[in-house]
Protein backbone atom coordinates (compact mmCIF):
# COMPACT_ATOMS: atom_id res chain seq x y z
CA MET A 1 0.00 0.00 0.00
CA THR A 2 1.25 3.51 -0.81
CA THR A 3 1.12 6.28 1.73
CA ILE A 4 0.63 9.79 0.37
CA ILE A 5 2.18 12.53 2.42
CA TRP A 6 1.05 16.07 1.69
CA LYS A 7 3.55 18.84 2.01
CA ILE A 8 2.20 21.57 4.27
CA ALA A 9 1.99 24.87 2.45
CA SER A 10 4.13 27.72 3.60
CA VAL A 11 2.45 30.33 5.77
CA HIS A 12 3.50 33.03 3.33
CA GLY A 13 2.46 31.20 0.16
CA THR A 14 4.49 30.40 -2.89
CA CYS A 15 6.98 32.64 -4.60
CA ARG A 16 4.46 33.39 -7.35
CA SER A 17 1.65 34.23 -4.92
CA ARG A 18 3.96 36.54 -2.94
CA TYR A 19 5.02 38.24 -6.20
CA LYS A 20 1.40 38.69 -7.27
CA ALA A 21 0.48 40.10 -3.86
CA ARG A 22 3.37 42.59 -3.97
CA ARG A 23 2.48 43.58 -7.53
CA ARG A 24 -1.21 44.01 -6.65
CA ASP A 25 -0.33 46.18 -3.64
CA LYS A 26 2.04 48.29 -5.73
CA GLN A 27 -0.57 48.78 -8.48
CA GLN A 28 -3.24 49.73 -5.94
CA ALA A 29 -0.91 52.28 -4.35
CA ALA A 30 -0.05 53.77 -7.74
CA ALA A 31 -3.72 53.93 -8.72
CA GLY A 32 -4.57 55.62 -5.43
CA GLU A 33 -1.86 58.23 -5.95
CA GLN A 34 -3.07 58.87 -9.51
CA ARG A 35 -6.66 59.30 -8.29
CA LEU A 36 -5.43 61.85 -5.73
CA VAL A 37 -3.47 63.75 -8.40
CA ASN A 38 -6.49 63.80 -10.71
CA LYS A 39 -8.73 65.01 -7.89
CA ILE A 40 -6.35 67.85 -7.03
CA GLU A 41 -6.01 68.85 -10.71
CA ARG A 42 -9.78 68.96 -11.16
CA SER A 43 -10.13 71.03 -8.02
CA LEU A 44 -7.48 73.52 -9.11
CA GLN A 45 -8.92 73.78 -12.62
CA ALA A 46 -12.40 74.46 -11.30
CA HIS A 47 -11.18 77.19 -8.98
CA SER A 48 -8.99 78.83 -11.60
CA SER A 49 -11.87 79.04 -14.09
CA ARG A 50 -14.11 80.58 -11.43
CA VAL A 51 -11.43 83.06 -10.46
CA SER A 52 -10.71 84.01 -14.06
CA ARG A 53 -14.42 84.60 -14.73
CA ALA A 54 -14.69 86.77 -11.61
CA ILE A 55 -11.63 88.80 -12.60
CA TRP A 56 -12.93 89.19 -16.16
CA ALA A 57 -16.31 90.39 -14.89
CA ALA A 58 -14.68 92.82 -12.44
CA GLU A 59 -12.43 94.24 -15.15
CA ARG A 60 -15.36 94.61 -17.50
CA LEU A 61 -17.40 96.46 -14.88
CA ALA A 62 -14.45 98.66 -13.93
CA LYS A 63 -13.87 99.95 -17.50
CA PRO A 64 -15.27 103.42 -18.05
CA GLY A 65 -18.03 103.54 -20.60
CA SER A 66 -18.85 99.87 -20.46
CA GLY A 67 -22.58 99.79 -20.76
CA SER A 68 -24.35 96.61 -19.93
């Protein structure tokens, strides 16, 4: 009769599973940083367009002879 002995898996997994876990974590971190950058850019763009419109309107109202 043959006895089958199973090798107990390592607590930390195989080399490939550790690599995939590190790669997944690295990709998630990079994606999170990119989302933050995009969010900041959108915020700055929105504010700059509002500010430029306000300045344009103020300059237009401040010009002498500008009838509206």
